[in-house]
Amino acid sequence: MPEGSLMVRAKNQGGDKTDLVKRAAAYIEARQESEADGPITLEELARHCGLSPWHLQRQFKRVMGVSPRDYEESLRLARFKKGLRTGAGVAAATFDAGFGSSSRVYERSGAALGMTPASYARGGKGADIRYALASSALGRILVAATGKGLCRVEMGADDATLVSELHDEFPEADSIVADETALGPYVSEILHRISGRAPRADLPLDIRMTAFQRQVWAALTRIPAGETRTYGEVASAIGQPSAARAVGNTCGRNPVAVAIPCHRVLRNDGAIGGYAWGPERKQALIRAESQSLTTHSGSAGKKRVTG
């Protein structure tokens, strides 16, 4: 099954509807494997499944969490990324994935790769990255961004380690320079959130993500400050209740601490669970948000974390 396939995670809603959606997903995958020319139209897919286009679109999104077109694009992007990782040039990977033109792949892959395809293949080559360091209630933080948005938010004990890890993450970037002035608004918002207060501004992101990661991270941003969910609850929220373990792994790969609030997700038994920047920081973030909510609204969060 192609990398990034969502078919095995289809929501079990029972009856023929789920089977028809699985059939549609299998048809999309088979078409991509056969390298047939041109995108699959909704009408073609509907005829294959014996449904009206409107009903297929509606049921597909309910079961899979994405539209048929987005599902097809996620598979195409997965093939493209695989081609880059195996050493194919951008042109060859573009052709093999069926994007049709380099302009289309750059347009389509921007949000999912975070950088241009060439940059993704070569450790950030071509990217100009600026960063700033600051003190917070959780220790030192490093906030880094490209011209498109945040690409890294890290927490740690010392500046040297944080800067070294940034260089390790983007070894081929054209430049990585400190710029407190340019990063000031980003740093201010991150510190605001670390203090436990609700976001006051959107944070544009420039990060690599798969279709599944995009679903999970989007779900995390919808968890209100002061509340928590379990990995299983997040999996159910994105229509994939059997994917709790994958949700946990995705939270662990979050490259932008606090900007994507993976700290609001707990193990299914309610325990703190892992956190890339340490469980103590995770618990401190949850506690700060809960206390801030109580202070400003007079009510506690939906769930409390103890221990």
C-alpha atoms as a PDB file:
ATOM      1  CA  MET A   1       0.000   0.000   0.000  1.00  0.00           C
ATOM      2  CA  PRO A   2       1.425   3.418  -0.877  1.00  0.00           C
ATOM      3  CA  GLU A   3       3.045   5.476   1.878  1.00  0.00           C
ATOM      4  CA  GLY A   4       0.545   7.819   3.473  1.00  0.00           C
ATOM      5  CA  SER A   5      -2.437   5.568   2.679  1.00  0.00           C
ATOM      6  CA  LEU A   6      -5.407   6.172   4.940  1.00  0.00           C
ATOM      7  CA  MET A   7      -7.506   3.230   3.807  1.00  0.00           C
ATOM      8  CA  VAL A   8      -6.508   0.907   6.620  1.00  0.00           C
ATOM      9  CA  ARG A   9      -7.529   3.563   9.101  1.00  0.00           C
ATOM     10  CA  ALA A  10     -11.057   3.975   7.736  1.00  0.00           C
ATOM     11  CA  LYS A  11     -13.602   4.708  10.388  1.00  0.00           C
ATOM     12  CA  ASN A  12     -15.800   1.714  11.142  1.00  0.00           C
ATOM     13  CA  GLN A  13     -19.221   3.155  10.624  1.00  0.00           C
ATOM     14  CA  GLY A  14     -20.728  -0.194   9.637  1.00  0.00           C
ATOM     15  CA  GLY A  15     -22.769  -1.297   6.652  1.00  0.00           C
ATOM     16  CA  ASP A  16     -22.179  -0.818   2.979  1.00  0.00           C
ATOM     17  CA  LYS A  17     -21.145   2.829   3.248  1.00  0.00           C
ATOM     18  CA  THR A  18     -17.749   2.045   4.769  1.00  0.00           C
ATOM     19  CA  ASP A  19     -17.196  -0.780   2.270  1.00  0.00           C
ATOM     20  CA  LEU A  20     -17.995   1.538  -0.623  1.00  0.00           C
ATOM     21  CA  VAL A  21     -15.588   4.165   0.678  1.00  0.00           C
ATOM     22  CA  LYS A  22     -12.860   1.539   1.058  1.00  0.00           C
ATOM     23  CA  ARG A  23     -13.601   0.468  -2.502  1.00  0.00           C
ATOM     24  CA  ALA A  24     -13.227   4.072  -3.658  1.00  0.00           C
ATOM     25  CA  ALA A  25      -9.937   4.456  -1.797  1.00  0.00           C
ATOM     26  CA  ALA A  26      -8.642   1.204  -3.286  1.00  0.00           C
ATOM     27  CA  TYR A  27      -9.598   2.431  -6.760  1.00  0.00           C
ATOM     28  CA  ILE A  28      -7.666   5.662  -6.217  1.00  0.00           C
ATOM     29  CA  GLU A  29      -4.615   3.737  -5.019  1.00  0.00           C
ATOM     30  CA  ALA A  30      -4.799   1.268  -7.921  1.00  0.00           C
ATOM     31  CA  ARG A  31      -4.999   4.108 -10.429  1.00  0.00           C
ATOM     32  CA  GLN A  32      -1.891   5.701  -8.959  1.00  0.00           C
ATOM     33  CA  GLU A  33      -0.025   2.393  -8.894  1.00  0.00           C
ATOM     34  CA  SER A  34      -0.892   1.835 -12.568  1.00  0.00           C
ATOM     35  CA  GLU A  35       0.407   5.343 -13.352  1.00  0.00           C
ATOM     36  CA  ALA A  36      -2.728   6.156 -15.325  1.00  0.00           C
ATOM     37  CA  ASP A  37      -2.715   9.618 -16.817  1.00  0.00           C
ATOM     38  CA  GLY A  38      -4.722  12.440 -15.326  1.00  0.00           C
ATOM     39  CA  PRO A  39      -6.480  12.942 -12.017  1.00  0.00           C
ATOM     40  CA  ILE A  40      -9.504  10.852 -11.093  1.00  0.00           C
ATOM     41  CA  THR A  41     -12.726  12.813 -11.403  1.00  0.00           C
ATOM     42  CA  LEU A  42     -15.404  12.550  -8.742  1.00  0.00           C
ATOM     43  CA  GLU A  43     -17.858  11.416 -11.421  1.00  0.00           C
ATOM     44  CA  GLU A  44     -15.552   8.564 -12.480  1.00  0.00           C
ATOM     45  CA  LEU A  45     -15.101   7.466  -8.895  1.00  0.00           C
ATOM     46  CA  ALA A  46     -18.833   7.671  -8.228  1.00  0.00           C
ATOM     47  CA  ARG A  47     -19.611   5.485 -11.252  1.00  0.00           C
ATOM     48  CA  HIS A  48     -17.101   2.900 -10.030  1.00  0.00           C
ATOM     49  CA  CYS A  49     -18.804   2.775  -6.614  1.00  0.00           C
ATOM     50  CA  GLY A  50     -22.386   3.046  -7.800  1.00  0.00           C
ATOM     51  CA  LEU A  51     -23.114   6.229  -5.853  1.00  0.00           C
ATOM     52  CA  SER A  52     -23.973   9.763  -6.847  1.00  0.00           C
ATOM     53  CA  PRO A  53     -20.969  12.122  -6.768  1.00  0.00           C
ATOM     54  CA  TRP A  54     -22.566  14.113  -3.926  1.00  0.00           C
ATOM     55  CA  HIS A  55     -23.142  11.055  -1.738  1.00  0.00           C
ATOM     56  CA  LEU A  56     -19.690   9.632  -2.443  1.00  0.00           C
ATOM     57  CA  GLN A  57     -18.020  12.936  -1.538  1.00  0.00           C
ATOM     58  CA  ARG A  58     -20.014  13.163   1.691  1.00  0.00           C
ATOM     59  CA  GLN A  59     -19.462   9.553   2.793  1.00  0.00           C
ATOM     60  CA  PHE A  60     -15.793   9.527   1.793  1.00  0.00           C
ATOM     61  CA  LYS A  61     -15.063  12.581   3.919  1.00  0.00           C
ATOM     62  CA  ARG A  62     -17.015  11.172   6.874  1.00  0.00           C
ATOM     63  CA  VAL A  63     -15.144   7.870   6.814  1.00  0.00           C
ATOM     64  CA  MET A  64     -11.670   8.950   5.707  1.00  0.00           C
ATOM     65  CA  GLY A  65     -11.553  12.440   7.143  1.00  0.00           C
ATOM     66  CA  VAL A  66     -10.537  13.973   3.795  1.00  0.00           C
ATOM     67  CA  SER A  67     -12.151  14.390   0.386  1.00  0.00           C
ATOM     68  CA  PRO A  68     -11.361  11.961  -2.473  1.00  0.00           C
ATOM     69  CA  ARG A  69      -9.301  14.682  -4.150  1.00  0.00           C
ATOM     70  CA  ASP A  70      -7.292  15.370  -0.988  1.00  0.00           C
ATOM     71  CA  TYR A  71      -6.767  11.632  -0.527  1.00  0.00           C
ATOM     72  CA  GLU A  72      -5.444  11.310  -4.062  1.00  0.00           C
ATOM     73  CA  GLU A  73      -3.155  14.304  -3.527  1.00  0.00           C
ATOM     74  CA  SER A  74      -1.811  12.835  -0.275  1.00  0.00           C
ATOM     75  CA  LEU A  75      -0.861   9.630  -2.099  1.00  0.00           C
ATOM     76  CA  ARG A  76       0.713  11.590  -4.928  1.00  0.00           C
ATOM     77  CA  LEU A  77       2.700  13.704  -2.486  1.00  0.00           C
ATOM     78  CA  ALA A  78       3.825  10.570  -0.626  1.00  0.00           C
ATOM     79  CA  ARG A  79       5.194   9.154  -3.902  1.00  0.00           C
ATOM     80  CA  PHE A  80       6.924  12.431  -4.616  1.00  0.00           C
ATOM     81  CA  LYS A  81       8.572  12.545  -1.178  1.00  0.00           C
ATOM     82  CA  LYS A  82       9.642   8.911  -1.515  1.00  0.00           C
ATOM     83  CA  GLY A  83      11.279   9.748  -4.833  1.00  0.00           C
ATOM     84  CA  LEU A  84      13.208  12.602  -3.248  1.00  0.00           C
ATOM     85  CA  ARG A  85      14.373  10.467  -0.337  1.00  0.00           C
ATOM     86  CA  THR A  86      15.602   7.703  -2.644  1.00  0.00           C
ATOM     87  CA  GLY A  87      17.776  10.121  -4.568  1.00  0.00           C
ATOM     88  CA  ALA A  88      15.649  10.992  -7.584  1.00  0.00           C
ATOM     89  CA  GLY A  89      15.967  14.575  -8.730  1.00  0.00           C
ATOM     90  CA  VAL A  90      13.061  16.956  -8.389  1.00  0.00           C
ATOM     91  CA  ALA A  91      12.142  16.600 -12.062  1.00  0.00           C
ATOM     92  CA  ALA A  92      12.182  12.800 -11.959  1.00  0.00           C
ATOM     93  CA  ALA A  93      10.236  12.649  -8.706  1.00  0.00           C
ATOM     94  CA  THR A  94       7.696  15.118 -10.106  1.00  0.00           C
ATOM     95  CA  PHE A  95       7.133  13.010 -13.214  1.00  0.00           C
ATOM     96  CA  ASP A  96       6.949   9.723 -11.291  1.00  0.00           C
ATOM     97  CA  ALA A  97       4.399  11.120  -8.829  1.00  0.00           C
ATOM     98  CA  GLY A  98       2.224  12.332 -11.696  1.00  0.00           C
ATOM     99  CA  PHE A  99       2.139  16.011 -10.818  1.00  0.00           C
ATOM    100  CA  GLY A 100       2.522  16.955 -14.470  1.00  0.00           C
ATOM    101  CA  SER A 101       4.609  20.086 -14.017  1.00  0.00           C
ATOM    102  CA  SER A 102       7.191  21.474 -11.629  1.00  0.00           C
ATOM    103  CA  SER A 103       5.023  24.516 -10.944  1.00  0.00           C
ATOM    104  CA  ARG A 104       2.186  22.295  -9.768  1.00  0.00           C
ATOM    105  CA  VAL A 105       4.341  20.253  -7.426  1.00  0.00           C
ATOM    106  CA  TYR A 106       5.842  23.363  -5.861  1.00  0.00           C
ATOM    107  CA  GLU A 107       2.357  24.782  -5.361  1.00  0.00           C
ATOM    108  CA  ARG A 108       0.890  21.565  -3.966  1.00  0.00           C
ATOM    109  CA  SER A 109       3.800  20.500  -1.780  1.00  0.00           C
ATOM    110  CA  GLY A 110       4.490  23.828  -0.111  1.00  0.00           C
ATOM    111  CA  ALA A 111       2.193  23.273   2.857  1.00  0.00           C
ATOM    112  CA  ALA A 112       3.129  19.633   3.323  1.00  0.00           C
ATOM    113  CA  LEU A 113       6.886  19.891   2.937  1.00  0.00           C
ATOM    114  CA  GLY A 114       7.249  23.282   4.571  1.00  0.00           C
ATOM    115  CA  MET A 115      10.048  24.120   2.156  1.00  0.00           C
ATOM    116  CA  THR A 116      10.520  23.753  -1.562  1.00  0.00           C
ATOM    117  CA  PRO A 117      10.960  20.154  -2.771  1.00  0.00           C
ATOM    118  CA  ALA A 118      14.661  20.733  -3.386  1.00  0.00           C
ATOM    119  CA  SER A 119      15.088  22.020   0.157  1.00  0.00           C
ATOM    120  CA  TYR A 120      13.296  18.995   1.593  1.00  0.00           C
ATOM    121  CA  ALA A 121      15.590  16.649  -0.278  1.00  0.00           C
ATOM    122  CA  ARG A 122      18.760  18.398   0.848  1.00  0.00           C
ATOM    123  CA  GLY A 123      18.357  19.229   4.523  1.00  0.00           C
ATOM    124  CA  GLY A 124      16.898  22.689   4.064  1.00  0.00           C
ATOM    125  CA  LYS A 125      19.130  23.803   1.202  1.00  0.00           C
ATOM    126  CA  GLY A 126      18.016  27.179  -0.063  1.00  0.00           C
ATOM    127  CA  ALA A 127      16.295  28.144   3.168  1.00  0.00           C
ATOM    128  CA  ASP A 128      17.176  31.299   5.079  1.00  0.00           C
ATOM    129  CA  ILE A 129      16.424  30.679   8.741  1.00  0.00           C
ATOM    130  CA  ARG A 130      16.435  33.213  11.548  1.00  0.00           C
ATOM    131  CA  TYR A 131      16.198  32.419  15.213  1.00  0.00           C
ATOM    132  CA  ALA A 132      15.924  34.020  18.635  1.00  0.00           C
ATOM    133  CA  LEU A 133      16.546  32.760  22.149  1.00  0.00           C
ATOM    134  CA  ALA A 134      14.656  33.743  25.283  1.00  0.00           C
ATOM    135  CA  SER A 135      14.042  32.744  28.878  1.00  0.00           C
ATOM    136  CA  SER A 136      10.711  31.277  29.911  1.00  0.00           C
ATOM    137  CA  ALA A 137       9.131  29.631  32.903  1.00  0.00           C
ATOM    138  CA  LEU A 138      10.204  26.318  31.360  1.00  0.00           C
ATOM    139  CA  GLY A 139      13.839  27.231  30.733  1.00  0.00           C
ATOM    140  CA  ARG A 140      15.442  28.574  27.595  1.00  0.00           C
ATOM    141  CA  ILE A 141      13.516  28.503  24.333  1.00  0.00           C
ATOM    142  CA  LEU A 142      14.626  28.794  20.725  1.00  0.00           C
ATOM    143  CA  VAL A 143      12.213  30.096  18.111  1.00  0.00           C
ATOM    144  CA  ALA A 144      13.214  29.778  14.451  1.00  0.00           C
ATOM    145  CA  ALA A 145      11.425  30.780  11.264  1.00  0.00           C
ATOM    146  CA  THR A 146      11.778  31.087   7.517  1.00  0.00           C
ATOM    147  CA  GLY A 147      10.101  33.848   5.559  1.00  0.00           C
ATOM    148  CA  LYS A 148       6.938  31.711   5.508  1.00  0.00           C
ATOM    149  CA  GLY A 149       6.575  31.009   9.215  1.00  0.00           C
ATOM    150  CA  LEU A 150       7.840  29.064  12.218  1.00  0.00           C
ATOM    151  CA  CYS A 151       9.970  26.054  11.401  1.00  0.00           C
ATOM    152  CA  ARG A 152      11.250  25.177  14.888  1.00  0.00           C
ATOM    153  CA  VAL A 153      10.353  25.899  18.513  1.00  0.00           C
ATOM    154  CA  GLU A 154      12.536  24.112  21.044  1.00  0.00           C
ATOM    155  CA  MET A 155      12.879  24.123  24.819  1.00  0.00           C
ATOM    156  CA  GLY A 156      16.072  23.247  26.656  1.00  0.00           C
ATOM    157  CA  ALA A 157      18.592  24.059  29.338  1.00  0.00           C
ATOM    158  CA  ASP A 158      21.268  25.936  27.403  1.00  0.00           C
ATOM    159  CA  ASP A 159      21.557  28.075  24.300  1.00  0.00           C
ATOM    160  CA  ALA A 160      24.501  26.241  22.765  1.00  0.00           C
ATOM    161  CA  THR A 161      22.614  22.938  22.610  1.00  0.00           C
ATOM    162  CA  LEU A 162      19.485  24.549  21.185  1.00  0.00           C
ATOM    163  CA  VAL A 163      21.417  26.324  18.429  1.00  0.00           C
ATOM    164  CA  SER A 164      23.419  23.176  17.648  1.00  0.00           C
ATOM    165  CA  GLU A 165      20.208  21.154  17.285  1.00  0.00           C
ATOM    166  CA  LEU A 166      18.806  23.774  14.917  1.00  0.00           C
ATOM    167  CA  HIS A 167      21.868  23.439  12.692  1.00  0.00           C
ATOM    168  CA  ASP A 168      21.565  19.648  12.847  1.00  0.00           C
ATOM    169  CA  GLU A 169      17.945  19.845  11.701  1.00  0.00           C
ATOM    170  CA  PHE A 170      18.771  22.086   8.715  1.00  0.00           C
ATOM    171  CA  PRO A 171      22.394  21.230   7.825  1.00  0.00           C
ATOM    172  CA  GLU A 172      22.152  22.579   4.277  1.00  0.00           C
ATOM    173  CA  ALA A 173      20.287  25.822   4.914  1.00  0.00           C
ATOM    174  CA  ASP A 174      21.725  28.807   3.083  1.00  0.00           C
ATOM    175  CA  SER A 175      21.832  30.750   6.321  1.00  0.00           C
ATOM    176  CA  ILE A 176      20.955  30.324   9.991  1.00  0.00           C
ATOM    177  CA  VAL A 177      21.383  33.590  11.853  1.00  0.00           C
ATOM    178  CA  ALA A 178      20.199  35.127  15.103  1.00  0.00           C
ATOM    179  CA  ASP A 179      17.675  37.927  14.628  1.00  0.00           C
ATOM    180  CA  GLU A 180      15.822  38.932  17.787  1.00  0.00           C
ATOM    181  CA  THR A 181      14.093  41.849  16.085  1.00  0.00           C
ATOM    182  CA  ALA A 182      12.541  39.825  13.278  1.00  0.00           C
ATOM    183  CA  LEU A 183      11.531  36.986  15.598  1.00  0.00           C
ATOM    184  CA  GLY A 184      10.228  39.275  18.344  1.00  0.00           C
ATOM    185  CA  PRO A 185       6.495  38.818  17.588  1.00  0.00           C
ATOM    186  CA  TYR A 186       6.885  35.044  17.403  1.00  0.00           C
ATOM    187  CA  VAL A 187       8.809  34.881  20.672  1.00  0.00           C
ATOM    188  CA  SER A 188       6.257  37.091  22.396  1.00  0.00           C
ATOM    189  CA  GLU A 189       3.377  34.843  21.337  1.00  0.00           C
ATOM    190  CA  ILE A 190       5.193  31.649  22.372  1.00  0.00           C
ATOM    191  CA  LEU A 191       5.959  33.120  25.808  1.00  0.00           C
ATOM    192  CA  HIS A 192       2.342  34.237  26.100  1.00  0.00           C
ATOM    193  CA  ARG A 193       1.202  30.651  25.506  1.00  0.00           C
ATOM    194  CA  ILE A 194       3.810  29.145  27.838  1.00  0.00           C
ATOM    195  CA  SER A 195       2.367  31.327  30.601  1.00  0.00           C
ATOM    196  CA  GLY A 196      -0.854  29.372  30.182  1.00  0.00           C
ATOM    197  CA  ARG A 197      -2.920  31.975  28.391  1.00  0.00           C
ATOM    198  CA  ALA A 198      -5.016  31.278  25.311  1.00  0.00           C
ATOM    199  CA  PRO A 199      -3.489  32.172  21.924  1.00  0.00           C
ATOM    200  CA  ARG A 200      -3.903  35.815  21.010  1.00  0.00           C
ATOM    201  CA  ALA A 201      -2.562  35.554  17.445  1.00  0.00           C
ATOM    202  CA  ASP A 202      -2.216  32.935  14.721  1.00  0.00           C
ATOM    203  CA  LEU A 203       1.261  31.549  14.152  1.00  0.00           C
ATOM    204  CA  PRO A 204       2.095  30.775  10.506  1.00  0.00           C
ATOM    205  CA  LEU A 205       4.000  27.504  10.209  1.00  0.00           C
ATOM    206  CA  ASP A 206       6.602  26.327   7.726  1.00  0.00           C
ATOM    207  CA  ILE A 207       7.015  22.667   8.650  1.00  0.00           C
ATOM    208  CA  ARG A 208       7.098  19.308   6.918  1.00  0.00           C
ATOM    209  CA  MET A 209       4.028  17.158   7.456  1.00  0.00           C
ATOM    210  CA  THR A 210       2.218  14.196   5.984  1.00  0.00           C
ATOM    211  CA  ALA A 211      -1.518  14.185   5.372  1.00  0.00           C
ATOM    212  CA  PHE A 212      -2.048  12.245   8.613  1.00  0.00           C
ATOM    213  CA  GLN A 213       0.163  14.607  10.615  1.00  0.00           C
ATOM    214  CA  ARG A 214      -1.764  17.548   9.195  1.00  0.00           C
ATOM    215  CA  GLN A 215      -5.024  16.025  10.442  1.00  0.00           C
ATOM    216  CA  VAL A 216      -3.653  15.318  13.916  1.00  0.00           C
ATOM    217  CA  TRP A 217      -1.940  18.662  14.385  1.00  0.00           C
ATOM    218  CA  ALA A 218      -5.023  20.524  13.173  1.00  0.00           C
ATOM    219  CA  ALA A 219      -7.094  18.609  15.729  1.00  0.00           C
ATOM    220  CA  LEU A 220      -4.665  19.585  18.495  1.00  0.00           C
ATOM    221  CA  THR A 221      -5.049  23.278  17.721  1.00  0.00           C
ATOM    222  CA  ARG A 222      -8.797  22.896  18.266  1.00  0.00           C
ATOM    223  CA  ILE A 223      -8.337  21.707  21.871  1.00  0.00           C
ATOM    224  CA  PRO A 224      -9.059  24.765  24.030  1.00  0.00           C
ATOM    225  CA  ALA A 225      -6.363  25.968  26.395  1.00  0.00           C
ATOM    226  CA  GLY A 226      -6.995  24.485  29.803  1.00  0.00           C
ATOM    227  CA  GLU A 227      -8.449  21.251  28.422  1.00  0.00           C
ATOM    228  CA  THR A 228      -6.861  17.943  27.477  1.00  0.00           C
ATOM    229  CA  ARG A 229      -7.707  14.926  25.333  1.00  0.00           C
ATOM    230  CA  THR A 230      -6.378  11.383  25.186  1.00  0.00           C
ATOM    231  CA  TYR A 231      -4.628   9.948  22.151  1.00  0.00           C
ATOM    232  CA  GLY A 232      -7.731   7.848  21.542  1.00  0.00           C
ATOM    233  CA  GLU A 233     -10.023  10.857  21.677  1.00  0.00           C
ATOM    234  CA  VAL A 234      -7.888  12.701  19.117  1.00  0.00           C
ATOM    235  CA  ALA A 235      -7.899   9.619  16.896  1.00  0.00           C
ATOM    236  CA  SER A 236     -11.689   9.494  17.067  1.00  0.00           C
ATOM    237  CA  ALA A 237     -11.921  13.231  16.410  1.00  0.00           C
ATOM    238  CA  ILE A 238     -10.166  12.802  13.063  1.00  0.00           C
ATOM    239  CA  GLY A 239     -12.340   9.821  12.152  1.00  0.00           C
ATOM    240  CA  GLN A 240      -9.681   7.163  12.763  1.00  0.00           C
ATOM    241  CA  PRO A 241     -10.435   5.628  16.181  1.00  0.00           C
ATOM    242  CA  SER A 242      -7.933   2.797  15.793  1.00  0.00           C
ATOM    243  CA  ALA A 243      -5.024   5.190  15.224  1.00  0.00           C
ATOM    244  CA  ALA A 244      -4.322   6.184  18.842  1.00  0.00           C
ATOM    245  CA  ARG A 245      -0.735   4.903  18.684  1.00  0.00           C
ATOM    246  CA  ALA A 246      -0.114   6.793  15.446  1.00  0.00           C
ATOM    247  CA  VAL A 247      -1.516   9.933  17.063  1.00  0.00           C
ATOM    248  CA  GLY A 248       0.955   9.515  19.920  1.00  0.00           C
ATOM    249  CA  ASN A 249       3.851   9.114  17.496  1.00  0.00           C
ATOM    250  CA  THR A 250       2.733  12.204  15.591  1.00  0.00           C
ATOM    251  CA  CYS A 251       2.604  14.247  18.786  1.00  0.00           C
ATOM    252  CA  GLY A 252       6.161  13.119  19.505  1.00  0.00           C
ATOM    253  CA  ARG A 253       7.314  14.460  16.131  1.00  0.00           C
ATOM    254  CA  ASN A 254       5.910  17.943  16.648  1.00  0.00           C
ATOM    255  CA  PRO A 255       8.748  20.344  15.682  1.00  0.00           C
ATOM    256  CA  VAL A 256       7.146  23.491  17.101  1.00  0.00           C
ATOM    257  CA  ALA A 257       6.558  23.268  20.844  1.00  0.00           C
ATOM    258  CA  VAL A 258       3.466  25.107  22.102  1.00  0.00           C
ATOM    259  CA  ALA A 259       2.636  26.452  18.623  1.00  0.00           C
ATOM    260  CA  ILE A 260       1.076  23.031  18.027  1.00  0.00           C
ATOM    261  CA  PRO A 261      -0.198  22.155  21.525  1.00  0.00           C
ATOM    262  CA  CYS A 262       0.730  18.469  21.688  1.00  0.00           C
ATOM    263  CA  HIS A 263       1.118  18.924  25.443  1.00  0.00           C
ATOM    264  CA  ARG A 264      -2.688  18.831  25.706  1.00  0.00           C
ATOM    265  CA  VAL A 265      -2.802  15.152  24.749  1.00  0.00           C
ATOM    266  CA  LEU A 266      -2.542  12.426  27.394  1.00  0.00           C
ATOM    267  CA  ARG A 267      -2.200   8.678  27.375  1.00  0.00           C
ATOM    268  CA  ASN A 268      -5.469   6.757  27.175  1.00  0.00           C
ATOM    269  CA  ASP A 269      -5.229   5.976  30.896  1.00  0.00           C
ATOM    270  CA  GLY A 270      -5.002   9.698  31.698  1.00  0.00           C
ATOM    271  CA  ALA A 271      -1.283   9.647  32.533  1.00  0.00           C
ATOM    272  CA  ILE A 272       1.006  12.405  31.285  1.00  0.00           C
ATOM    273  CA  GLY A 273       2.824  10.230  28.767  1.00  0.00           C
ATOM    274  CA  GLY A 274       5.857  11.264  26.793  1.00  0.00           C
ATOM    275  CA  TYR A 275       6.836  14.717  25.598  1.00  0.00           C
ATOM    276  CA  ALA A 276       9.725  15.674  23.350  1.00  0.00           C
ATOM    277  CA  TRP A 277      10.804  18.390  25.772  1.00  0.00           C
ATOM    278  CA  GLY A 278      10.301  16.370  28.956  1.00  0.00           C
ATOM    279  CA  PRO A 279       7.209  15.277  30.911  1.00  0.00           C
ATOM    280  CA  GLU A 280       7.856  17.884  33.602  1.00  0.00           C
ATOM    281  CA  ARG A 281       7.448  20.665  31.035  1.00  0.00           C
ATOM    282  CA  LYS A 282       4.322  19.004  29.677  1.00  0.00           C
ATOM    283  CA  GLN A 283       2.735  18.865  33.107  1.00  0.00           C
ATOM    284  CA  ALA A 284       3.777  22.450  33.816  1.00  0.00           C
ATOM    285  CA  LEU A 285       2.139  23.657  30.590  1.00  0.00           C
ATOM    286  CA  ILE A 286      -1.118  21.848  31.370  1.00  0.00           C
ATOM    287  CA  ARG A 287      -1.128  23.194  34.924  1.00  0.00           C
ATOM    288  CA  ALA A 288      -0.429  26.753  33.774  1.00  0.00           C
ATOM    289  CA  GLU A 289      -3.264  26.623  31.236  1.00  0.00           C
ATOM    290  CA  SER A 290      -5.680  25.179  33.776  1.00  0.00           C
ATOM    291  CA  GLN A 291      -4.779  27.814  36.361  1.00  0.00           C
ATOM    292  CA  SER A 292      -5.051  30.605  33.806  1.00  0.00           C
ATOM    293  CA  LEU A 293      -8.487  29.373  32.739  1.00  0.00           C
ATOM    294  CA  THR A 294      -9.627  29.255  36.358  1.00  0.00           C
ATOM    295  CA  THR A 295      -8.285  32.747  36.994  1.00  0.00           C
ATOM    296  CA  HIS A 296      -9.851  34.334  33.929  1.00  0.00           C
ATOM    297  CA  SER A 297     -13.160  32.460  33.732  1.00  0.00           C
ATOM    298  CA  GLY A 298     -13.679  31.093  37.216  1.00  0.00           C
ATOM    299  CA  SER A 299     -13.939  27.534  35.932  1.00  0.00           C
ATOM    300  CA  ALA A 300     -11.466  24.692  35.679  1.00  0.00           C
ATOM    301  CA  GLY A 301     -10.461  22.890  32.492  1.00  0.00           C
ATOM    302  CA  LYS A 302     -12.390  19.942  31.175  1.00  0.00           C
ATOM    303  CA  LYS A 303      -9.850  17.489  32.568  1.00  0.00           C
ATOM    304  CA  ARG A 304      -7.252  17.791  35.257  1.00  0.00           C
ATOM    305  CA  VAL A 305      -3.890  16.092  35.373  1.00  0.00           C
ATOM    306  CA  THR A 306      -2.544  14.859  38.676  1.00  0.00           C
ATOM    307  CA  GLY A 307       0.684  13.313  39.802  1.00  0.00           C
END
